[in-house]
Each structure stands twice: as structure tokens, then as C-alpha cells.
Protein backbone atom coordinates (compact mmCIF):
# COMPACT_ATOMS: atom_id res chain seq x y z
CA MET A 1 -9.82 -12.45 168.17
CA THR A 2 -6.39 -11.13 169.59
CA LEU A 3 -3.67 -10.65 168.07
CA ASN A 4 -2.02 -13.65 169.29
CA ASP A 5 -4.81 -15.73 168.29
CA ILE A 6 -3.89 -14.34 164.56
CA ARG A 7 -0.56 -14.53 164.41
CA ARG A 8 -0.93 -18.33 165.63
CA ALA A 9 -3.02 -19.45 163.19
CA VAL A 10 -0.29 -17.17 160.49
CA LYS A 11 2.23 -19.02 161.96
CA SER A 12 0.53 -23.00 162.20
CA ALA A 13 0.27 -22.25 158.44
CA LEU A 14 3.46 -21.22 157.31
CA GLY A 15 5.56 -22.93 159.78
CA ASP A 16 7.58 -20.10 160.40
CA ALA A 17 7.80 -17.47 163.50
CA ASP A 18 9.62 -14.99 161.96
CA ASP A 19 7.47 -15.05 158.66
CA ALA A 20 4.03 -14.64 160.22
CA ASP A 21 5.84 -11.84 162.74
CA ALA A 22 6.66 -9.68 159.24
CA ILE A 23 3.35 -10.54 157.53
CA ILE A 24 1.12 -9.52 160.25
CA CYS A 25 3.18 -6.44 160.83
CA HIS A 26 2.87 -5.50 157.25
CA VAL A 27 -1.31 -5.86 156.87
CA TYR A 28 -1.66 -4.36 160.22
CA GLY A 29 0.89 -1.46 159.92
CA ILE A 30 3.12 -1.93 163.05
CA ASP A 31 6.56 -2.58 163.74
CA LYS A 32 7.59 -5.57 165.64
CA ALA A 33 8.03 -4.34 169.17
CA GLU A 34 4.34 -3.48 169.04
CA LEU A 35 3.27 -6.49 167.96
CA TYR A 36 4.30 -7.62 170.86
CA LEU A 37 3.48 -5.40 172.85
CA ARG A 38 -0.54 -5.38 171.15
CA LEU A 39 -0.42 -9.67 171.72
CA PHE A 40 -3.79 -9.70 173.64
CA ASP A 41 -5.74 -6.70 171.94
CA ASP A 42 -8.31 -7.43 169.78
CA PHE A 43 -8.12 -7.28 166.60
CA THR A 44 -10.11 -8.10 162.79
CA TYR A 45 -8.58 -10.78 160.70
CA SER A 46 -8.05 -9.41 157.54
CA ASP A 47 -9.06 -11.19 154.53
CA ALA A 48 -5.54 -9.94 153.39
CA LEU A 49 -3.65 -12.49 155.15
CA ASP A 50 -5.47 -15.41 153.50
CA ASP A 51 -4.46 -14.08 150.50
CA ILE A 52 -0.98 -13.51 151.82
CA VAL A 53 -0.48 -16.91 153.58
CA ARG A 54 -1.28 -18.56 150.17
CA ARG A 55 1.56 -16.77 148.16
CA ARG A 56 3.95 -17.55 150.82
CA THR A 57 3.48 -20.91 150.76
CA SER A 58 3.51 -21.41 147.24
CA GLY A 59 6.99 -20.48 147.45
CA GLU A 60 6.68 -16.69 146.34
CA PRO A 61 9.57 -14.58 148.54
CA LEU A 62 8.58 -12.85 151.86
CA GLU A 63 10.13 -9.85 150.57
CA TYR A 64 8.23 -9.72 146.92
CA ILE A 65 5.13 -9.95 149.35
CA ILE A 66 5.37 -7.44 151.82
CA GLY A 67 7.88 -5.57 149.11
CA LYS A 68 10.74 -4.50 151.10
CA ALA A 69 13.90 -6.15 152.71
CA THR A 70 16.74 -4.90 155.45
CA PHE A 71 20.52 -4.72 154.18
CA CYS A 72 23.36 -3.48 156.04
CA GLY A 73 20.89 -2.08 158.28
CA ILE A 74 18.80 -0.02 155.25
CA ASP A 75 15.52 -0.63 154.05
CA PHE A 76 14.90 -1.73 150.84
CA PHE A 77 12.03 -1.59 148.25
CA VAL A 78 12.44 -4.51 146.31
CA SER A 79 10.23 -6.18 143.61
CA PRO A 80 10.25 -9.65 141.17
CA ASP A 81 12.15 -6.99 138.64
CA CYS A 82 15.38 -6.96 140.61
CA LEU A 83 16.93 -9.84 143.10
CA ILE A 84 16.41 -9.69 146.73
CA PRO A 85 19.66 -8.18 148.27
CA GLN A 86 21.06 -11.21 150.80
CA ALA A 87 22.74 -11.51 153.91
CA ASP A 88 25.96 -12.64 152.04
CA THR A 89 25.79 -10.20 149.77
CA GLU A 90 26.75 -7.60 153.16
CA VAL A 91 30.33 -9.50 153.13
CA VAL A 92 30.81 -7.70 149.77
CA VAL A 93 29.99 -4.59 150.89
CA ARG A 94 31.84 -4.67 154.11
CA ALA A 95 34.85 -5.99 151.95
CA ALA A 96 34.88 -2.42 149.55
CA LEU A 97 34.47 -0.64 153.12
CA ASP A 98 37.54 -2.43 154.71
CA ALA A 99 39.34 -2.01 151.36
CA MET A 100 39.16 1.70 150.86
CA ASP A 101 37.05 4.41 153.02
CA HIS A 102 36.33 6.59 150.19
CA GLY A 103 36.05 7.41 146.54
CA ARG A 104 34.04 6.92 143.23
CA PHE A 105 32.98 3.47 142.81
CA LEU A 106 31.20 1.82 139.81
CA ASP A 107 28.55 -0.72 140.81
CA LEU A 108 28.17 -3.12 137.83
CA CYS A 109 24.12 -5.39 137.92
CA THR A 110 23.17 -2.99 140.85
CA GLY A 111 19.68 -4.72 140.67
CA SER A 112 18.25 -3.01 143.76
CA GLY A 113 21.03 -0.83 144.31
CA CYS A 114 21.95 -2.59 147.29
CA ILE A 115 25.59 -2.31 147.23
CA ALA A 116 25.43 1.27 146.07
CA VAL A 117 23.13 2.68 148.43
CA ALA A 118 25.36 1.05 150.90
CA LEU A 119 28.53 2.01 150.40
CA SER A 120 27.16 6.12 150.14
CA LYS A 121 25.29 5.88 152.87
CA LEU A 122 27.87 3.92 155.22
CA GLY A 123 31.46 5.14 153.84
CA ASP A 124 32.89 8.24 151.85
CA PHE A 125 31.42 7.02 148.67
CA CYS A 126 29.82 8.45 145.40
CA GLY A 127 29.76 6.67 142.57
CA THR A 128 27.74 5.29 139.37
CA ALA A 129 25.06 2.25 139.71
CA LEU A 130 24.51 0.48 136.52
CA ASP A 131 21.99 -2.27 135.18
CA ILE A 132 20.39 -3.58 131.95
CA SER A 133 17.19 -3.45 133.36
CA PRO A 134 14.78 -0.09 133.06
CA ALA A 135 12.80 -1.54 136.32
CA ALA A 136 15.77 -2.10 138.49
CA ILE A 137 17.39 1.09 137.89
CA GLU A 138 14.42 2.85 138.78
CA ILE A 139 13.83 0.52 141.95
CA ALA A 140 17.64 1.57 143.27
CA LYS A 141 16.68 5.14 142.33
CA LYS A 142 14.10 4.71 144.81
CA ASN A 143 16.14 3.07 147.60
CA ALA A 144 18.81 5.98 147.07
CA ALA A 145 15.92 8.35 147.39
CA SER A 146 14.91 6.53 150.47
CA ALA A 147 18.36 6.37 151.97
CA GLY A 148 19.04 9.87 151.33
CA VAL A 149 22.23 9.94 148.86
CA TYR A 150 20.39 10.00 145.89
CA ASP A 151 22.33 12.46 145.01
CA LYS A 152 25.82 10.88 145.71
CA ILE A 153 24.63 7.98 142.93
CA GLU A 154 24.63 8.27 138.70
CA PHE A 155 22.13 5.58 137.67
CA VAL A 156 22.80 4.22 134.45
CA CYS A 157 20.41 1.72 132.20
CA ALA A 158 23.07 0.04 129.89
CA ASP A 159 24.83 -3.59 129.41
CA VAL A 160 27.99 -4.48 131.05
CA PHE A 161 28.73 -5.79 127.75
CA GLY A 162 28.19 -2.43 125.98
CA ASP A 163 28.33 1.24 127.02
CA VAL A 164 30.02 1.30 130.89
CA PRO A 165 30.51 4.84 131.07
CA GLY A 166 33.51 6.16 130.84
CA GLY A 167 36.14 7.64 133.30
CA LYS A 168 38.65 6.04 136.05
CA PHE A 169 37.10 4.77 139.34
CA ASP A 170 38.59 3.93 142.63
CA LEU A 171 36.48 1.29 143.15
CA ILE A 172 34.93 -1.27 140.70
CA ILE A 173 32.26 -3.83 142.59
CA SER A 174 29.93 -5.94 141.26
CA ASN A 175 27.56 -8.87 142.40
CA PRO A 176 27.02 -9.88 138.59
CA PRO A 177 24.77 -13.22 137.57
CA TYR A 178 26.97 -16.45 138.19
CA VAL A 179 24.65 -19.28 138.45
CA GLU A 180 25.34 -21.53 135.77
CA SER A 181 22.57 -21.85 133.29
CA GLY A 182 22.19 -25.59 133.32
CA VAL A 183 21.67 -25.52 137.12
CA ILE A 184 19.14 -22.57 137.48
CA ASP A 185 16.00 -24.51 136.64
CA THR A 186 17.15 -26.87 139.78
CA LEU A 187 17.24 -23.51 142.71
CA SER A 188 14.38 -23.08 145.33
CA ARG A 189 11.05 -22.20 144.40
CA GLU A 190 11.84 -18.80 146.06
CA VAL A 191 14.95 -18.16 144.02
CA LEU A 192 12.86 -19.20 140.60
CA CYS A 193 10.61 -16.04 141.28
CA GLU A 194 13.82 -13.34 140.64
CA PRO A 195 14.45 -12.76 137.93
CA ARG A 196 16.40 -15.04 135.40
CA ILE A 197 18.48 -12.34 133.92
CA ALA A 198 20.03 -11.28 137.08
CA LEU A 199 21.23 -14.93 137.96
CA ASP A 200 22.16 -16.90 134.37
CA GLY A 201 26.03 -16.71 134.26
CA GLY A 202 26.35 -18.62 131.14
CA ASP A 203 27.51 -22.05 130.77
CA ASP A 204 29.89 -21.91 133.32
CA GLY A 205 28.61 -18.98 135.80
CA LEU A 206 31.65 -16.77 134.77
CA VAL A 207 30.55 -14.75 131.67
CA PHE A 208 30.31 -11.96 133.49
CA TYR A 209 33.81 -11.91 135.30
CA ARG A 210 35.18 -12.68 131.71
CA ARG A 211 34.17 -9.09 130.94
CA ILE A 212 34.76 -7.11 134.12
CA VAL A 213 38.06 -8.24 134.96
CA PRO A 214 39.74 -6.62 131.69
CA MET A 215 36.97 -3.78 132.02
CA ALA A 216 38.62 -3.15 135.47
CA ALA A 217 42.26 -3.51 134.67
CA GLU A 218 42.12 -0.69 131.83
CA ARG A 219 39.40 1.82 134.37
CA LEU A 220 41.10 1.77 137.94
CA ASN A 221 42.93 4.47 139.36
CA ASP A 222 46.44 3.62 140.88
CA GLY A 223 45.91 1.94 144.44
CA GLY A 224 41.86 1.28 143.18
CA ALA A 225 40.46 -1.83 144.23
CA LEU A 226 38.05 -4.19 142.12
CA VAL A 227 35.38 -6.31 144.26
CA LEU A 228 33.48 -9.28 143.52
CA GLU A 229 31.01 -11.46 144.85
CA ILE A 230 31.38 -14.96 143.58
CA GLY A 231 29.73 -18.52 143.83
CA TYR A 232 30.69 -21.03 146.56
CA ASP A 233 33.26 -22.61 144.40
CA GLN A 234 33.89 -20.23 141.83
CA ALA A 235 37.30 -18.79 143.99
CA GLN A 236 39.75 -20.93 141.42
CA ALA A 237 38.10 -20.15 138.70
CA VAL A 238 37.60 -16.33 138.90
CA GLY A 239 41.11 -16.39 140.57
CA ASP A 240 42.83 -17.41 137.30
CA ILE A 241 40.60 -14.80 135.30
CA LEU A 242 42.48 -12.24 137.76
CA ASP A 243 45.71 -13.70 137.63
CA GLN A 244 45.19 -13.45 134.23
CA ASN A 245 44.50 -9.79 133.54
CA GLY A 246 47.61 -8.84 136.40
CA PHE A 247 45.30 -8.59 139.46
CA GLU A 248 46.26 -10.42 143.18
CA TYR A 249 43.59 -11.10 145.20
CA VAL A 250 42.44 -12.31 148.24
CA ILE A 251 39.25 -14.57 148.67
CA ILE A 252 36.84 -13.34 151.61
CA ARG A 253 34.39 -16.17 153.21
CA ASP A 254 30.52 -15.55 154.31
CA TYR A 255 28.68 -15.96 157.13
CA GLY A 256 28.31 -19.42 156.56
CA GLY A 257 32.38 -19.99 155.88
CA ASN A 258 31.57 -20.35 151.93
CA ASP A 259 33.80 -18.51 149.68
CA ARG A 260 31.56 -15.72 148.45
CA CYS A 261 33.82 -12.57 147.36
CA ALA A 262 36.78 -11.38 145.42
CA VAL A 263 39.16 -8.33 146.46
CA ALA A 264 41.70 -7.86 144.03
CA ARG A 265 44.47 -5.23 143.08
CA LYS A 266 46.76 -4.51 140.34
CA SER A 267 50.00 -6.09 140.53
CA GLU A 268 52.74 -4.18 141.25
CA GLY A 269 54.28 -3.01 137.76
CA LYS A 270 51.21 -4.12 135.63
């Protein structure tokens, strides 16, 4: 059968052309350009396609199935041990790069390492990436090596509520867990495949901000910036925590127009 026949069958099963193309490229080891060039070439239907289609229609995220995701134009390895990098989090990286173009960063709750790697690849940064999950740290290391920035990042497996590395930083950045505990079970099937520990922000979703913001107030160099991803409805609550700790801040919206990122600096004289 032709590759186009296979593509139509997979697209019909999934109802999504982009997912179908990504799966076919993964199974047959071709890129998207080659897919379109070879649509009428003969291919053998792969039994692996049926298994992948079953997994995708059951709600398993495509990125976990094919083992990769693209973020800030960089390919990242992903697995169920880490959150899947999302396009909206690119806003956080862009906000950090707009706030400063070089320096030493501390990336808290690094997960796949997407923020740390993107900063190190796209800006003149080096720093430390921390996560409580040993498995996530191993993925982050693999991504740093793949992107050619392994020597610019120190990876630390630790609890943000415990042993954060010493010293001061020019940039402290985090996409922490911020979903309210009671809301998690109502999320989509795809999101529920992701590690709960990377989603759960406590009863009100703010427990990590209450830890990170006071720590950042002590650990930022003069002129340094604190950049935090936030939930769409958390701007006021996170802003109050920043105010209480002597920060001035701005809120930046994501591609969908939702509040997504707080960029903060210490207030003058505080």
C-alpha cells in the first residue's frame, strides 16, 4: 500500500492529521518533508502503528509515545517521568531573555530541563537546574547533552523545600507545580498521564510560590530577576506574595491571552 493509504487510515483512526503525520514519521524513521515527498511510494503497513494508535486514542500524550517534544525550536527527549514542555512555557523563557541577556541562573523544578537548556542555548547563560525527581534529572541531563549545553548546567537532585544550592544568582526561574490538589483529577486524560508531583501545587496551588519567592528575595544578585510561570487565574495571588517580599512585578500573557508569567525585581531600597 502507499504511504498515503497508511496516512489516511491513521488519520481516520485518530481524527487528527498532525498526530497521524508525527506517528508515521516516528514509525518509519522519516521527517515531515520526506513524508510528503513519498506519499505515493509503496510501504509495508507496520503492526507498530496499531499499537501506537491504540495508545493515542486511549489518551496517552503523543509526546510520550514518540519520546520527544519541541520547545523553543529545540528537540527534547521526554518520558512519563517529566512534564511535556508546552508552547505557553516558551513565554517564560522569552520573558527571562527579555529581562536579561546573560548571567547565572537557578532553574527550580526543572523537569525535562527545557527552560535551563533553552536559556543556555539561546542566551549567554549558565547555571543550576534542580528537581526532586532523579528520573527527571537524568532526562534533563540527556537533553542538555543533546543540545550541546551540558557543560553550562549543573544538575542537582534536591527538594525545593530543602537543600537549594548556595550562592547568589542573576536569574531565578521556575515553572513549579501550581495546580490545586483538588482540581487535578478533573484534568484531561492527557494531563493525567503526566507526573502528579509536577502538577500538584497544594490546596490552593500556591505552596511552591510561598517557598520560592522569599528564597529568591535573599538569593538574587542586585539587579537580578525572578521569573515564574503561573496559572491563568493566579496573577493576583502570586502578585500578593511578590508584594509581601519586596518585589515589583509585571504579568505577561501567553499565546492564548491568559496570564502566564510573572517577571519580578526587588523594589528600590528593599
